[in-house]
């Protein structure tokens, strides 16, 4: 499978294989196809934050569980939690079927400088190229 085809150009990425889609001051966050491939069948998405919570860049906002493993979900930016994707409570498998549509949280950022520091799709593709399966 072509890893590069699974990276969307319209968003930024983190080394933890999360994507950030920026719309003004609001950033939508989810996990990349690479992360999904590593996790396998996702059985639970647990969001440990509520709307209005402040979150720091790098802080965990929840966990994602699969048949294989449990992983933390990290915030790519500092800001305030705006919305949680409650569809994932009952249907965590939405992340398997389309990880770029199945966002997890949206965060209102105080400034865009942190967003600019995130990897571009090209930089993320380069990172994936260095990862051996």
N, C-alpha and C. Protein backbone atom coordinates (compact mmCIF):
# COMPACT_ATOMS: atom_id res chain seq x y z
N UNK A 1 0.85 -1.21 0.00
CA UNK A 1 0.00 0.00 0.00
C UNK A 1 0.88 1.25 0.00
N UNK A 2 0.50 2.23 -0.76
CA UNK A 2 1.27 3.46 -0.85
C UNK A 2 0.98 4.36 0.34
N UNK A 3 1.99 4.50 1.20
CA UNK A 3 1.81 5.31 2.42
C UNK A 3 1.53 6.77 2.07
N UNK A 4 2.15 7.24 0.99
CA UNK A 4 2.04 8.66 0.66
C UNK A 4 0.62 9.02 0.23
N UNK A 5 -0.06 8.08 -0.42
CA UNK A 5 -1.41 8.34 -0.90
C UNK A 5 -2.36 8.56 0.28
N UNK A 6 -1.94 8.12 1.46
CA UNK A 6 -2.82 8.21 2.63
C UNK A 6 -2.55 9.46 3.47
N UNK A 7 -1.79 10.42 2.91
CA UNK A 7 -1.54 11.68 3.60
C UNK A 7 -2.27 12.78 2.86
N UNK A 8 -3.17 13.46 3.56
CA UNK A 8 -3.93 14.54 2.91
C UNK A 8 -3.14 15.85 2.97
N UNK A 9 -3.14 16.55 1.84
CA UNK A 9 -2.32 17.76 1.72
C UNK A 9 -2.93 18.97 2.43
N UNK A 10 -4.22 18.89 2.77
CA UNK A 10 -4.88 20.09 3.33
C UNK A 10 -4.78 20.20 4.83
N UNK A 11 -3.83 19.50 5.44
CA UNK A 11 -3.69 19.61 6.89
C UNK A 11 -2.24 19.46 7.32
N UNK A 12 -2.03 19.70 8.61
CA UNK A 12 -0.70 19.59 9.21
C UNK A 12 -0.64 18.29 10.02
N UNK A 13 0.57 17.87 10.37
CA UNK A 13 0.75 16.58 11.04
C UNK A 13 1.73 16.69 12.20
N UNK A 14 1.66 15.70 13.10
CA UNK A 14 2.60 15.64 14.22
C UNK A 14 3.37 14.33 14.15
N UNK A 15 4.47 14.28 14.90
CA UNK A 15 5.26 13.06 14.94
C UNK A 15 4.49 11.92 15.63
N UNK A 16 3.43 12.27 16.34
CA UNK A 16 2.57 11.25 16.97
C UNK A 16 1.48 10.77 16.01
N UNK A 17 1.58 11.13 14.75
CA UNK A 17 0.66 10.67 13.71
C UNK A 17 -0.76 11.17 13.91
N UNK A 18 -0.83 12.43 14.29
CA UNK A 18 -2.12 13.09 14.36
C UNK A 18 -2.17 14.17 13.30
N UNK A 19 -3.36 14.46 12.82
CA UNK A 19 -3.51 15.55 11.85
C UNK A 19 -4.25 16.72 12.49
N UNK A 20 -3.97 17.88 11.97
CA UNK A 20 -4.61 19.12 12.43
C UNK A 20 -5.11 19.86 11.20
N UNK A 21 -6.42 20.06 11.14
CA UNK A 21 -7.01 20.78 10.02
C UNK A 21 -7.42 22.16 10.52
N UNK A 22 -6.84 23.18 9.93
CA UNK A 22 -6.99 24.54 10.44
C UNK A 22 -8.08 25.28 9.69
N UNK A 23 -9.00 25.86 10.46
CA UNK A 23 -10.05 26.70 9.89
C UNK A 23 -10.12 27.97 10.72
N UNK A 24 -9.42 29.00 10.29
CA UNK A 24 -9.35 30.22 11.10
C UNK A 24 -8.59 29.95 12.37
N UNK A 25 -9.23 30.18 13.53
CA UNK A 25 -8.56 29.93 14.80
C UNK A 25 -8.94 28.58 15.39
N UNK A 26 -9.73 27.80 14.63
CA UNK A 26 -10.16 26.49 15.14
C UNK A 26 -9.43 25.37 14.41
N UNK A 27 -8.91 24.44 15.19
CA UNK A 27 -8.15 23.32 14.65
C UNK A 27 -8.90 22.02 14.95
N UNK A 28 -9.18 21.27 13.89
CA UNK A 28 -9.81 19.96 14.04
C UNK A 28 -8.68 18.93 14.14
N UNK A 29 -8.83 17.97 15.06
CA UNK A 29 -7.74 17.02 15.31
C UNK A 29 -8.23 15.58 15.14
N UNK A 30 -7.39 14.79 14.50
CA UNK A 30 -7.68 13.36 14.35
C UNK A 30 -6.38 12.60 14.22
N UNK A 31 -6.46 11.32 13.86
CA UNK A 31 -5.23 10.54 13.68
C UNK A 31 -5.06 10.17 12.21
N UNK A 32 -3.82 9.97 11.82
CA UNK A 32 -3.51 9.72 10.42
C UNK A 32 -3.75 8.27 10.03
N UNK A 33 -3.74 8.04 8.73
CA UNK A 33 -3.92 6.68 8.22
C UNK A 33 -2.81 5.76 8.72
N UNK A 34 -1.60 6.29 8.83
CA UNK A 34 -0.48 5.50 9.34
C UNK A 34 -0.80 5.01 10.76
N UNK A 35 -1.33 5.91 11.59
CA UNK A 35 -1.69 5.54 12.97
C UNK A 35 -2.75 4.45 12.97
N UNK A 36 -3.74 4.61 12.08
CA UNK A 36 -4.81 3.60 11.99
C UNK A 36 -4.24 2.24 11.58
N UNK A 37 -3.33 2.26 10.61
CA UNK A 37 -2.70 1.02 10.15
C UNK A 37 -1.94 0.34 11.28
N UNK A 38 -1.28 1.15 12.12
CA UNK A 38 -0.54 0.61 13.25
C UNK A 38 -1.46 0.04 14.33
N UNK A 39 -2.58 0.72 14.54
CA UNK A 39 -3.51 0.32 15.61
C UNK A 39 -4.31 -0.93 15.24
N UNK A 40 -4.71 -1.03 13.99
CA UNK A 40 -5.62 -2.11 13.60
C UNK A 40 -7.05 -1.73 13.94
N UNK A 41 -7.88 -2.72 14.22
CA UNK A 41 -9.30 -2.45 14.47
C UNK A 41 -9.50 -1.67 15.76
N UNK A 42 -10.06 -0.46 15.62
CA UNK A 42 -10.24 0.42 16.77
C UNK A 42 -11.54 0.06 17.49
N UNK A 43 -11.42 -0.14 18.80
CA UNK A 43 -12.56 -0.60 19.60
C UNK A 43 -13.12 0.48 20.52
N UNK A 44 -12.31 1.51 20.80
CA UNK A 44 -12.77 2.54 21.73
C UNK A 44 -12.00 3.84 21.52
N UNK A 45 -12.74 4.94 21.44
CA UNK A 45 -12.12 6.27 21.47
C UNK A 45 -12.63 6.94 22.73
N UNK A 46 -11.71 7.23 23.65
CA UNK A 46 -12.09 7.79 24.94
C UNK A 46 -11.55 9.21 25.05
N UNK A 47 -12.44 10.20 25.01
CA UNK A 47 -12.03 11.60 25.10
C UNK A 47 -12.14 12.07 26.54
N UNK A 48 -10.99 12.42 27.14
CA UNK A 48 -10.95 12.77 28.57
C UNK A 48 -11.10 14.26 28.84
N UNK A 49 -11.65 14.98 27.88
CA UNK A 49 -11.79 16.43 28.04
C UNK A 49 -13.25 16.81 27.87
N UNK A 50 -13.59 18.01 28.29
CA UNK A 50 -14.94 18.51 28.03
C UNK A 50 -14.81 19.88 27.37
N UNK A 51 -15.88 20.29 26.73
CA UNK A 51 -15.88 21.57 26.04
C UNK A 51 -15.56 22.69 27.02
N UNK A 52 -14.69 23.59 26.62
CA UNK A 52 -14.29 24.69 27.48
C UNK A 52 -13.00 24.43 28.23
N UNK A 53 -12.55 23.17 28.26
CA UNK A 53 -11.27 22.86 28.92
C UNK A 53 -10.11 23.52 28.18
N UNK A 54 -9.15 23.99 28.96
CA UNK A 54 -7.90 24.47 28.37
C UNK A 54 -6.98 23.26 28.20
N UNK A 55 -6.25 23.26 27.09
CA UNK A 55 -5.31 22.16 26.87
C UNK A 55 -4.00 22.71 26.34
N UNK A 56 -2.91 22.12 26.79
CA UNK A 56 -1.58 22.54 26.35
C UNK A 56 -1.10 21.65 25.22
N UNK A 57 -0.30 22.22 24.34
CA UNK A 57 0.30 21.43 23.26
C UNK A 57 1.05 20.26 23.87
N UNK A 58 0.82 19.05 23.34
CA UNK A 58 1.50 17.86 23.83
C UNK A 58 0.79 17.15 24.96
N UNK A 59 -0.26 17.80 25.51
CA UNK A 59 -1.02 17.16 26.59
C UNK A 59 -1.99 16.15 25.99
N UNK A 60 -2.25 15.07 26.74
CA UNK A 60 -3.17 14.04 26.27
C UNK A 60 -4.61 14.52 26.43
N UNK A 61 -5.43 14.31 25.40
CA UNK A 61 -6.85 14.67 25.52
C UNK A 61 -7.74 13.43 25.53
N UNK A 62 -7.11 12.26 25.43
CA UNK A 62 -7.89 11.03 25.46
C UNK A 62 -7.02 9.84 25.09
N UNK A 63 -7.68 8.72 24.90
CA UNK A 63 -6.98 7.50 24.50
C UNK A 63 -7.75 6.84 23.37
N UNK A 64 -7.03 6.06 22.60
CA UNK A 64 -7.67 5.27 21.55
C UNK A 64 -7.22 3.84 21.73
N UNK A 65 -8.18 2.94 21.70
CA UNK A 65 -7.91 1.54 21.99
C UNK A 65 -8.22 0.71 20.76
N UNK A 66 -7.38 -0.28 20.54
CA UNK A 66 -7.65 -1.21 19.45
C UNK A 66 -7.47 -2.63 19.97
N UNK A 67 -7.69 -3.59 19.10
CA UNK A 67 -7.51 -4.99 19.51
C UNK A 67 -6.06 -5.23 19.93
N UNK A 68 -5.14 -4.42 19.39
CA UNK A 68 -3.72 -4.63 19.65
C UNK A 68 -3.16 -3.82 20.80
N UNK A 69 -3.63 -2.58 20.96
CA UNK A 69 -2.91 -1.67 21.85
C UNK A 69 -3.79 -0.51 22.33
N UNK A 70 -3.25 0.24 23.28
CA UNK A 70 -3.90 1.45 23.79
C UNK A 70 -2.93 2.59 23.58
N UNK A 71 -3.38 3.69 22.96
CA UNK A 71 -2.51 4.83 22.69
C UNK A 71 -3.11 6.10 23.24
N UNK A 72 -2.25 7.01 23.68
CA UNK A 72 -2.71 8.34 24.07
C UNK A 72 -2.93 9.19 22.83
N UNK A 73 -3.87 10.12 22.96
CA UNK A 73 -4.12 11.12 21.91
C UNK A 73 -3.59 12.44 22.44
N UNK A 74 -2.70 13.08 21.70
CA UNK A 74 -2.05 14.30 22.16
C UNK A 74 -2.52 15.51 21.39
N UNK A 75 -2.67 16.62 22.09
CA UNK A 75 -3.07 17.85 21.43
C UNK A 75 -1.90 18.43 20.64
N UNK A 76 -2.12 18.75 19.37
CA UNK A 76 -1.04 19.34 18.57
C UNK A 76 -0.82 20.82 18.86
N UNK A 77 -1.76 21.44 19.57
CA UNK A 77 -1.70 22.88 19.82
C UNK A 77 -2.19 23.19 21.23
N UNK A 78 -1.92 24.41 21.67
CA UNK A 78 -2.44 24.92 22.94
C UNK A 78 -3.71 25.71 22.66
N UNK A 79 -4.73 25.49 23.46
CA UNK A 79 -5.96 26.25 23.25
C UNK A 79 -7.09 25.77 24.14
N UNK A 80 -8.31 25.97 23.66
CA UNK A 80 -9.51 25.61 24.41
C UNK A 80 -10.31 24.59 23.60
N UNK A 81 -10.71 23.51 24.26
CA UNK A 81 -11.53 22.49 23.60
C UNK A 81 -12.88 23.10 23.22
N UNK A 82 -13.22 23.03 21.94
CA UNK A 82 -14.48 23.60 21.47
C UNK A 82 -15.56 22.52 21.36
N UNK A 83 -15.20 21.43 20.67
CA UNK A 83 -16.19 20.38 20.41
C UNK A 83 -15.54 19.01 20.49
N UNK A 84 -16.34 18.03 20.88
CA UNK A 84 -15.91 16.64 20.88
C UNK A 84 -16.78 15.91 19.86
N UNK A 85 -16.19 14.97 19.17
CA UNK A 85 -16.96 14.18 18.21
C UNK A 85 -17.62 13.01 18.94
N UNK A 86 -18.85 13.24 19.38
CA UNK A 86 -19.57 12.24 20.17
C UNK A 86 -19.99 11.02 19.36
N UNK A 87 -19.94 11.11 18.02
CA UNK A 87 -20.27 9.95 17.18
C UNK A 87 -19.33 8.79 17.49
N UNK A 88 -18.13 9.13 17.93
CA UNK A 88 -17.12 8.08 18.16
C UNK A 88 -17.39 7.29 19.44
N UNK A 89 -18.26 7.82 20.32
CA UNK A 89 -18.60 7.09 21.54
C UNK A 89 -19.17 5.72 21.20
N UNK A 90 -20.11 5.72 20.26
CA UNK A 90 -20.78 4.47 19.88
C UNK A 90 -20.16 3.83 18.66
N UNK A 91 -19.47 4.63 17.86
CA UNK A 91 -18.96 4.10 16.59
C UNK A 91 -17.48 4.41 16.42
N UNK A 92 -16.61 3.83 17.27
CA UNK A 92 -15.18 4.10 17.14
C UNK A 92 -14.64 3.61 15.79
N UNK A 93 -15.36 2.67 15.17
CA UNK A 93 -14.90 2.11 13.88
C UNK A 93 -14.95 3.14 12.75
N UNK A 94 -15.61 4.28 12.99
CA UNK A 94 -15.60 5.36 11.99
C UNK A 94 -14.17 5.80 11.69
N UNK A 95 -13.30 5.71 12.69
CA UNK A 95 -11.90 6.09 12.49
C UNK A 95 -11.24 5.12 11.51
N UNK A 96 -11.59 3.83 11.59
CA UNK A 96 -11.04 2.86 10.65
C UNK A 96 -11.52 3.12 9.23
N UNK A 97 -12.80 3.47 9.09
CA UNK A 97 -13.33 3.61 7.74
C UNK A 97 -12.87 4.90 7.07
N UNK A 98 -12.73 6.01 7.82
CA UNK A 98 -12.18 7.23 7.23
C UNK A 98 -11.60 8.11 8.34
N UNK A 99 -10.31 7.94 8.57
CA UNK A 99 -9.67 8.63 9.69
C UNK A 99 -9.61 10.14 9.48
N UNK A 100 -9.76 10.60 8.23
CA UNK A 100 -9.68 12.04 7.99
C UNK A 100 -11.04 12.71 8.15
N UNK A 101 -12.10 11.93 8.11
CA UNK A 101 -13.44 12.46 8.38
C UNK A 101 -13.77 12.32 9.87
N UNK A 102 -13.26 11.27 10.49
CA UNK A 102 -13.56 10.98 11.90
C UNK A 102 -12.66 11.79 12.83
N UNK A 103 -12.89 13.11 12.87
CA UNK A 103 -12.14 13.97 13.78
C UNK A 103 -12.50 13.64 15.23
N UNK A 104 -11.69 14.04 16.15
CA UNK A 104 -11.92 13.71 17.57
C UNK A 104 -12.30 14.92 18.41
N UNK A 105 -11.50 15.99 18.28
CA UNK A 105 -11.82 17.22 19.01
C UNK A 105 -11.54 18.41 18.10
N UNK A 106 -12.17 19.53 18.39
CA UNK A 106 -11.74 20.79 17.79
C UNK A 106 -11.24 21.68 18.92
N UNK A 107 -10.19 22.43 18.62
CA UNK A 107 -9.53 23.26 19.61
C UNK A 107 -9.42 24.67 19.06
N UNK A 108 -9.85 25.64 19.86
CA UNK A 108 -9.64 27.03 19.48
C UNK A 108 -8.26 27.46 19.97
N UNK A 109 -7.41 27.86 19.04
CA UNK A 109 -6.04 28.22 19.42
C UNK A 109 -5.95 29.70 19.73
N UNK A 110 -5.02 30.03 20.63
CA UNK A 110 -4.84 31.42 20.99
C UNK A 110 -4.02 32.13 19.93
N UNK A 111 -3.05 31.43 19.34
CA UNK A 111 -2.26 32.00 18.26
C UNK A 111 -1.97 30.95 17.22
N UNK A 112 -1.60 31.36 16.01
CA UNK A 112 -1.39 30.38 14.95
C UNK A 112 0.06 29.91 14.85
N UNK A 113 0.95 30.47 15.68
CA UNK A 113 2.37 30.13 15.55
C UNK A 113 2.60 28.64 15.76
N UNK A 114 1.88 28.03 16.70
CA UNK A 114 2.05 26.59 16.95
C UNK A 114 1.60 25.77 15.74
N UNK A 115 0.56 26.23 15.08
CA UNK A 115 0.08 25.54 13.89
C UNK A 115 1.16 25.55 12.82
N UNK A 116 1.81 26.71 12.67
CA UNK A 116 2.87 26.84 11.68
C UNK A 116 4.06 25.93 11.96
N UNK A 117 4.23 25.55 13.24
CA UNK A 117 5.34 24.68 13.62
C UNK A 117 5.06 23.21 13.30
N UNK A 118 3.79 22.88 13.06
CA UNK A 118 3.46 21.48 12.76
C UNK A 118 3.97 21.10 11.38
N UNK A 119 4.16 19.79 11.18
CA UNK A 119 4.67 19.32 9.90
C UNK A 119 3.68 19.55 8.78
N UNK A 120 4.20 19.96 7.63
CA UNK A 120 3.38 20.01 6.42
C UNK A 120 3.17 18.56 5.96
N UNK A 121 2.26 18.38 5.02
CA UNK A 121 2.04 17.03 4.49
C UNK A 121 3.32 16.48 3.87
N UNK A 122 4.10 17.34 3.22
CA UNK A 122 5.36 16.90 2.62
C UNK A 122 6.35 16.43 3.69
N UNK A 123 6.45 17.22 4.76
CA UNK A 123 7.37 16.85 5.84
C UNK A 123 6.93 15.55 6.49
N UNK A 124 5.61 15.38 6.62
CA UNK A 124 5.09 14.16 7.24
C UNK A 124 5.35 12.96 6.33
N UNK A 125 5.20 13.13 5.04
CA UNK A 125 5.51 12.05 4.10
C UNK A 125 6.97 11.65 4.21
N UNK A 126 7.84 12.64 4.37
CA UNK A 126 9.27 12.36 4.54
C UNK A 126 9.49 11.53 5.80
N UNK A 127 8.81 11.91 6.89
CA UNK A 127 8.91 11.14 8.13
C UNK A 127 8.46 9.70 7.91
N UNK A 128 7.30 9.53 7.26
CA UNK A 128 6.80 8.18 7.02
C UNK A 128 7.78 7.37 6.19
N UNK A 129 8.47 8.04 5.27
CA UNK A 129 9.44 7.35 4.44
C UNK A 129 10.60 6.79 5.24
N UNK A 130 10.85 7.36 6.42
CA UNK A 130 11.96 6.89 7.26
C UNK A 130 11.52 5.78 8.20
N UNK A 131 10.20 5.56 8.29
CA UNK A 131 9.70 4.55 9.23
C UNK A 131 9.62 3.20 8.55
N UNK A 132 10.29 2.24 9.13
CA UNK A 132 10.25 0.90 8.55
C UNK A 132 9.08 0.14 9.14
N UNK A 133 8.36 -0.56 8.27
CA UNK A 133 7.22 -1.34 8.79
C UNK A 133 7.72 -2.62 9.43
